[in-house]
């Protein structure tokens, strides 16, 4: 990952997606929007993978501390 500038934005987006997913899952099964729920979960997973990758690449190779 070349830049770390967007990582905080991604983290906020993940929080919003998780809140939307939780609210959608609180509805009864017949009222849930299945396609929207699948899209939100997929986006959340993709963004979480990006954030995790950025965190692992942003560590010192010698001591493992965050740069």
PDB file of N, CA and C in Angstrom:
ATOM      1  N   UNK A   1       0.852  -1.169   0.000  1.00  0.00           N
ATOM      2  CA  UNK A   1       0.000   0.000   0.000  1.00  0.00           C
ATOM      3  C   UNK A   1       0.897   1.230   0.000  1.00  0.00           C
ATOM      4  N   UNK A   2       0.678   2.132  -0.917  1.00  0.00           N
ATOM      5  CA  UNK A   2       1.559   3.282  -1.065  1.00  0.00           C
ATOM      6  C   UNK A   2       1.228   4.422  -0.118  1.00  0.00           C
ATOM      7  N   UNK A   3      -0.020   4.641   0.180  1.00  0.00           N
ATOM      8  CA  UNK A   3      -0.389   5.757   1.037  1.00  0.00           C
ATOM      9  C   UNK A   3      -1.258   5.270   2.194  1.00  0.00           C
ATOM     10  N   UNK A   4      -1.109   5.924   3.325  1.00  0.00           N
ATOM     11  CA  UNK A   4      -1.877   5.581   4.516  1.00  0.00           C
ATOM     12  C   UNK A   4      -2.981   6.601   4.774  1.00  0.00           C
ATOM     13  N   UNK A   5      -3.162   7.538   3.865  1.00  0.00           N
ATOM     14  CA  UNK A   5      -4.068   8.660   4.093  1.00  0.00           C
ATOM     15  C   UNK A   5      -5.539   8.246   4.190  1.00  0.00           C
ATOM     16  N   UNK A   6      -5.930   7.200   3.514  1.00  0.00           N
ATOM     17  CA  UNK A   6      -7.344   6.832   3.463  1.00  0.00           C
ATOM     18  C   UNK A   6      -7.749   5.805   4.518  1.00  0.00           C
ATOM     19  N   UNK A   7      -6.809   5.307   5.283  1.00  0.00           N
ATOM     20  CA  UNK A   7      -7.112   4.263   6.264  1.00  0.00           C
ATOM     21  C   UNK A   7      -8.145   4.732   7.293  1.00  0.00           C
ATOM     22  N   UNK A   8      -8.045   5.940   7.872  1.00  0.00           N
ATOM     23  CA  UNK A   8      -9.089   6.381   8.806  1.00  0.00           C
ATOM     24  C   UNK A   8     -10.475   6.480   8.159  1.00  0.00           C
ATOM     25  N   UNK A   9     -10.510   6.865   6.905  1.00  0.00           N
ATOM     26  CA  UNK A   9     -11.788   6.942   6.181  1.00  0.00           C
ATOM     27  C   UNK A   9     -12.379   5.544   6.020  1.00  0.00           C
ATOM     28  N   UNK A  10     -11.523   4.580   5.703  1.00  0.00           N
ATOM     29  CA  UNK A  10     -11.983   3.196   5.568  1.00  0.00           C
ATOM     30  C   UNK A  10     -12.508   2.667   6.892  1.00  0.00           C
ATOM     31  N   UNK A  11     -11.854   3.000   7.988  1.00  0.00           N
ATOM     32  CA  UNK A  11     -12.295   2.529   9.304  1.00  0.00           C
ATOM     33  C   UNK A  11     -13.664   3.085   9.657  1.00  0.00           C
ATOM     34  N   UNK A  12     -13.901   4.351   9.346  1.00  0.00           N
ATOM     35  CA  UNK A  12     -15.215   4.953   9.598  1.00  0.00           C
ATOM     36  C   UNK A  12     -16.270   4.282   8.729  1.00  0.00           C
ATOM     37  N   UNK A  13     -15.923   4.019   7.490  1.00  0.00           N
ATOM     38  CA  UNK A  13     -16.866   3.357   6.573  1.00  0.00           C
ATOM     39  C   UNK A  13     -17.213   1.952   7.079  1.00  0.00           C
ATOM     40  N   UNK A  14     -16.222   1.232   7.611  1.00  0.00           N
ATOM     41  CA  UNK A  14     -16.469  -0.101   8.158  1.00  0.00           C
ATOM     42  C   UNK A  14     -17.440  -0.022   9.331  1.00  0.00           C
ATOM     43  N   UNK A  15     -17.265   0.966  10.209  1.00  0.00           N
ATOM     44  CA  UNK A  15     -18.171   1.128  11.352  1.00  0.00           C
ATOM     45  C   UNK A  15     -19.598   1.389  10.887  1.00  0.00           C
ATOM     46  N   UNK A  16     -19.752   2.253   9.879  1.00  0.00           N
ATOM     47  CA  UNK A  16     -21.085   2.558   9.359  1.00  0.00           C
ATOM     48  C   UNK A  16     -21.725   1.324   8.720  1.00  0.00           C
ATOM     49  N   UNK A  17     -20.914   0.556   7.977  1.00  0.00           N
ATOM     50  CA  UNK A  17     -21.448  -0.650   7.348  1.00  0.00           C
ATOM     51  C   UNK A  17     -21.883  -1.665   8.395  1.00  0.00           C
ATOM     52  N   UNK A  18     -21.083  -1.837   9.435  1.00  0.00           N
ATOM     53  CA  UNK A  18     -21.439  -2.789  10.488  1.00  0.00           C
ATOM     54  C   UNK A  18     -22.718  -2.370  11.204  1.00  0.00           C
ATOM     55  N   UNK A  19     -22.886  -1.057  11.411  1.00  0.00           N
ATOM     56  CA  UNK A  19     -24.113  -0.572  12.038  1.00  0.00           C
ATOM     57  C   UNK A  19     -25.316  -0.851  11.138  1.00  0.00           C
ATOM     58  N   UNK A  20     -25.170  -0.614   9.839  1.00  0.00           N
ATOM     59  CA  UNK A  20     -26.256  -0.887   8.892  1.00  0.00           C
ATOM     60  C   UNK A  20     -26.594  -2.375   8.848  1.00  0.00           C
ATOM     61  N   UNK A  21     -25.561  -3.207   8.875  1.00  0.00           N
ATOM     62  CA  UNK A  21     -25.774  -4.654   8.863  1.00  0.00           C
ATOM     63  C   UNK A  21     -26.528  -5.082  10.117  1.00  0.00           C
ATOM     64  N   UNK A  22     -26.120  -4.557  11.267  1.00  0.00           N
ATOM     65  CA  UNK A  22     -26.780  -4.904  12.526  1.00  0.00           C
ATOM     66  C   UNK A  22     -28.241  -4.480  12.512  1.00  0.00           C
ATOM     67  N   UNK A  23     -28.510  -3.267  12.035  1.00  0.00           N
ATOM     68  CA  UNK A  23     -29.890  -2.791  11.970  1.00  0.00           C
ATOM     69  C   UNK A  23     -30.731  -3.652  11.026  1.00  0.00           C
ATOM     70  N   UNK A  24     -30.133  -4.061   9.925  1.00  0.00           N
ATOM     71  CA  UNK A  24     -30.864  -4.884   8.960  1.00  0.00           C
ATOM     72  C   UNK A  24     -31.155  -6.272   9.527  1.00  0.00           C
ATOM     73  N   UNK A  25     -30.209  -6.815  10.292  1.00  0.00           N
ATOM     74  CA  UNK A  25     -30.405  -8.142  10.874  1.00  0.00           C
ATOM     75  C   UNK A  25     -31.410  -8.136  12.020  1.00  0.00           C
ATOM     76  N   UNK A  26     -31.681  -6.972  12.594  1.00  0.00           N
ATOM     77  CA  UNK A  26     -32.691  -6.879  13.643  1.00  0.00           C
ATOM     78  C   UNK A  26     -34.109  -6.974  13.092  1.00  0.00           C
ATOM     79  N   UNK A  27     -34.267  -6.741  11.812  1.00  0.00           N
ATOM     80  CA  UNK A  27     -35.582  -6.840  11.180  1.00  0.00           C
ATOM     81  C   UNK A  27     -35.974  -8.309  11.051  1.00  0.00           C
ATOM     82  N   UNK A  28     -37.256  -8.531  10.855  1.00  0.00           N
ATOM     83  CA  UNK A  28     -37.694  -9.905  10.638  1.00  0.00           C
ATOM     84  C   UNK A  28     -37.155 -10.402   9.307  1.00  0.00           C
ATOM     85  N   UNK A  29     -37.073 -11.694   9.176  1.00  0.00           N
ATOM     86  CA  UNK A  29     -36.455 -12.288   8.000  1.00  0.00           C
ATOM     87  C   UNK A  29     -37.158 -11.894   6.700  1.00  0.00           C
ATOM     88  N   UNK A  30     -38.471 -11.744   6.752  1.00  0.00           N
ATOM     89  CA  UNK A  30     -39.219 -11.405   5.543  1.00  0.00           C
ATOM     90  C   UNK A  30     -39.027  -9.941   5.137  1.00  0.00           C
ATOM     91  N   UNK A  31     -38.644  -9.079   6.082  1.00  0.00           N
ATOM     92  CA  UNK A  31     -38.463  -7.657   5.785  1.00  0.00           C
ATOM     93  C   UNK A  31     -37.031  -7.297   5.372  1.00  0.00           C
ATOM     94  N   UNK A  32     -36.097  -8.211   5.520  1.00  0.00           N
ATOM     95  CA  UNK A  32     -34.699  -7.916   5.206  1.00  0.00           C
ATOM     96  C   UNK A  32     -34.487  -7.761   3.710  1.00  0.00           C
ATOM     97  N   UNK A  33     -33.600  -6.841   3.371  1.00  0.00           N
ATOM     98  CA  UNK A  33     -33.197  -6.671   1.974  1.00  0.00           C
ATOM     99  C   UNK A  33     -31.941  -7.508   1.761  1.00  0.00           C
ATOM    100  N   UNK A  34     -32.146  -8.697   1.238  1.00  0.00           N
ATOM    101  CA  UNK A  34     -31.081  -9.687   1.146  1.00  0.00           C
ATOM    102  C   UNK A  34     -29.924  -9.228   0.252  1.00  0.00           C
ATOM    103  N   UNK A  35     -30.227  -8.648  -0.872  1.00  0.00           N
ATOM    104  CA  UNK A  35     -29.178  -8.215  -1.801  1.00  0.00           C
ATOM    105  C   UNK A  35     -28.346  -7.074  -1.213  1.00  0.00           C
ATOM    106  N   UNK A  36     -29.005  -6.136  -0.560  1.00  0.00           N
ATOM    107  CA  UNK A  36     -28.277  -5.031   0.066  1.00  0.00           C
ATOM    108  C   UNK A  36     -27.387  -5.547   1.184  1.00  0.00           C
ATOM    109  N   UNK A  37     -27.896  -6.479   1.952  1.00  0.00           N
ATOM    110  CA  UNK A  37     -27.148  -7.064   3.059  1.00  0.00           C
ATOM    111  C   UNK A  37     -25.898  -7.778   2.553  1.00  0.00           C
ATOM    112  N   UNK A  38     -26.035  -8.533   1.484  1.00  0.00           N
ATOM    113  CA  UNK A  38     -24.882  -9.224   0.895  1.00  0.00           C
ATOM    114  C   UNK A  38     -23.830  -8.220   0.413  1.00  0.00           C
ATOM    115  N   UNK A  39     -24.280  -7.140  -0.214  1.00  0.00           N
ATOM    116  CA  UNK A  39     -23.355  -6.115  -0.698  1.00  0.00           C
ATOM    117  C   UNK A  39     -22.616  -5.434   0.444  1.00  0.00           C
ATOM    118  N   UNK A  40     -23.337  -5.138   1.519  1.00  0.00           N
ATOM    119  CA  UNK A  40     -22.705  -4.489   2.677  1.00  0.00           C
ATOM    120  C   UNK A  40     -21.665  -5.393   3.317  1.00  0.00           C
ATOM    121  N   UNK A  41     -21.989  -6.664   3.433  1.00  0.00           N
ATOM    122  CA  UNK A  41     -21.046  -7.614   4.032  1.00  0.00           C
ATOM    123  C   UNK A  41     -19.802  -7.741   3.163  1.00  0.00           C
ATOM    124  N   UNK A  42     -20.007  -7.803   1.861  1.00  0.00           N
ATOM    125  CA  UNK A  42     -18.883  -7.913   0.937  1.00  0.00           C
ATOM    126  C   UNK A  42     -17.996  -6.670   1.006  1.00  0.00           C
ATOM    127  N   UNK A  43     -18.590  -5.487   1.025  1.00  0.00           N
ATOM    128  CA  UNK A  43     -17.824  -4.243   1.138  1.00  0.00           C
ATOM    129  C   UNK A  43     -17.059  -4.176   2.460  1.00  0.00           C
ATOM    130  N   UNK A  44     -17.718  -4.587   3.530  1.00  0.00           N
ATOM    131  CA  UNK A  44     -17.096  -4.568   4.844  1.00  0.00           C
ATOM    132  C   UNK A  44     -15.873  -5.479   4.883  1.00  0.00           C
ATOM    133  N   UNK A  45     -16.009  -6.660   4.349  1.00  0.00           N
ATOM    134  CA  UNK A  45     -14.885  -7.605   4.314  1.00  0.00           C
ATOM    135  C   UNK A  45     -13.730  -7.074   3.476  1.00  0.00           C
ATOM    136  N   UNK A  46     -14.053  -6.492   2.329  1.00  0.00           N
ATOM    137  CA  UNK A  46     -13.018  -5.961   1.442  1.00  0.00           C
ATOM    138  C   UNK A  46     -12.256  -4.817   2.107  1.00  0.00           C
ATOM    139  N   UNK A  47     -12.998  -3.898   2.733  1.00  0.00           N
ATOM    140  CA  UNK A  47     -12.356  -2.774   3.411  1.00  0.00           C
ATOM    141  C   UNK A  47     -11.537  -3.241   4.610  1.00  0.00           C
ATOM    142  N   UNK A  48     -12.050  -4.224   5.351  1.00  0.00           N
ATOM    143  CA  UNK A  48     -11.314  -4.741   6.506  1.00  0.00           C
ATOM    144  C   UNK A  48     -10.013  -5.388   6.061  1.00  0.00           C
ATOM    145  N   UNK A  49     -10.025  -6.085   4.940  1.00  0.00           N
ATOM    146  CA  UNK A  49      -8.809  -6.698   4.409  1.00  0.00           C
ATOM    147  C   UNK A  49      -7.793  -5.628   4.016  1.00  0.00           C
ATOM    148  N   UNK A  50      -8.271  -4.543   3.435  1.00  0.00           N
ATOM    149  CA  UNK A  50      -7.388  -3.440   3.051  1.00  0.00           C
ATOM    150  C   UNK A  50      -6.753  -2.796   4.276  1.00  0.00           C
ATOM    151  N   UNK A  51      -7.540  -2.562   5.316  1.00  0.00           N
ATOM    152  CA  UNK A  51      -7.033  -1.953   6.543  1.00  0.00           C
ATOM    153  C   UNK A  51      -6.020  -2.879   7.214  1.00  0.00           C
ATOM    154  N   UNK A  52      -6.329  -4.158   7.263  1.00  0.00           N
ATOM    155  CA  UNK A  52      -5.424  -5.132   7.874  1.00  0.00           C
ATOM    156  C   UNK A  52      -4.110  -5.199   7.111  1.00  0.00           C
ATOM    157  N   UNK A  53      -4.187  -5.195   5.788  1.00  0.00           N
ATOM    158  CA  UNK A  53      -2.981  -5.227   4.967  1.00  0.00           C
ATOM    159  C   UNK A  53      -2.135  -3.982   5.202  1.00  0.00           C
ATOM    160  N   UNK A  54      -2.768  -2.830   5.304  1.00  0.00           N
ATOM    161  CA  UNK A  54      -2.042  -1.585   5.532  1.00  0.00           C
ATOM    162  C   UNK A  54      -1.377  -1.586   6.900  1.00  0.00           C
ATOM    163  N   UNK A  55      -2.040  -2.150   7.904  1.00  0.00           N
ATOM    164  CA  UNK A  55      -1.457  -2.209   9.243  1.00  0.00           C
ATOM    165  C   UNK A  55      -0.246  -3.130   9.283  1.00  0.00           C
ATOM    166  N   UNK A  56      -0.298  -4.244   8.571  1.00  0.00           N
ATOM    167  CA  UNK A  56       0.827  -5.178   8.588  1.00  0.00           C
ATOM    168  C   UNK A  56       2.005  -4.646   7.792  1.00  0.00           C
ATOM    169  N   UNK A  57       1.745  -3.864   6.764  1.00  0.00           N
ATOM    170  CA  UNK A  57       2.834  -3.318   5.959  1.00  0.00           C
ATOM    171  C   UNK A  57       3.459  -2.095   6.605  1.00  0.00           C
ATOM    172  N   UNK A  58       2.820  -1.527   7.588  1.00  0.00           N
ATOM    173  CA  UNK A  58       3.295  -0.300   8.206  1.00  0.00           C
ATOM    174  C   UNK A  58       3.998  -0.598   9.535  1.00  0.00           C
ATOM    175  N   UNK A  59       4.731  -1.713   9.605  1.00  0.00           N
ATOM    176  CA  UNK A  59       5.449  -2.071  10.822  1.00  0.00           C
ATOM    177  C   UNK A  59       6.933  -2.186  10.541  1.00  0.00           C
ATOM    178  N   UNK A  60       7.707  -1.954  11.556  1.00  0.00           N
ATOM    179  CA  UNK A  60       9.156  -2.070  11.464  1.00  0.00           C
ATOM    180  C   UNK A  60       9.527  -3.538  11.250  1.00  0.00           C
ATOM    181  N   UNK A  61      10.374  -3.832  10.269  1.00  0.00           N
ATOM    182  CA  UNK A  61      10.748  -5.235  10.027  1.00  0.00           C
ATOM    183  C   UNK A  61      11.613  -5.828  11.132  1.00  0.00           C
ATOM    184  N   UNK A  62      12.224  -4.984  11.941  1.00  0.00           N
ATOM    185  CA  UNK A  62      13.131  -5.477  12.981  1.00  0.00           C
ATOM    186  C   UNK A  62      12.428  -5.746  14.305  1.00  0.00           C
ATOM    187  N   UNK A  63      11.673  -4.749  14.783  1.00  0.00           N
ATOM    188  CA  UNK A  63      11.059  -4.896  16.101  1.00  0.00           C
ATOM    189  C   UNK A  63       9.557  -5.149  16.046  1.00  0.00           C
ATOM    190  N   UNK A  64       8.910  -4.901  14.907  1.00  0.00           N
ATOM    191  CA  UNK A  64       7.486  -5.141  14.778  1.00  0.00           C
ATOM    192  C   UNK A  64       6.617  -4.000  15.273  1.00  0.00           C
ATOM    193  N   UNK A  65       7.235  -2.916  15.735  1.00  0.00           N
ATOM    194  CA  UNK A  65       6.474  -1.749  16.194  1.00  0.00           C
ATOM    195  C   UNK A  65       5.884  -1.001  15.019  1.00  0.00           C
ATOM    196  N   UNK A  66       4.814  -0.294  15.279  1.00  0.00           N
ATOM    197  CA  UNK A  66       4.148   0.498  14.243  1.00  0.00           C
ATOM    198  C   UNK A  66       5.000   1.724  13.904  1.00  0.00           C
ATOM    199  N   UNK A  67       5.152   2.017  12.615  1.00  0.00           N
ATOM    200  CA  UNK A  67       5.938   3.174  12.189  1.00  0.00           C
ATOM    201  C   UNK A  67       5.188   4.463  12.366  1.00  0.00           C
TER     202      UNK A  67
END
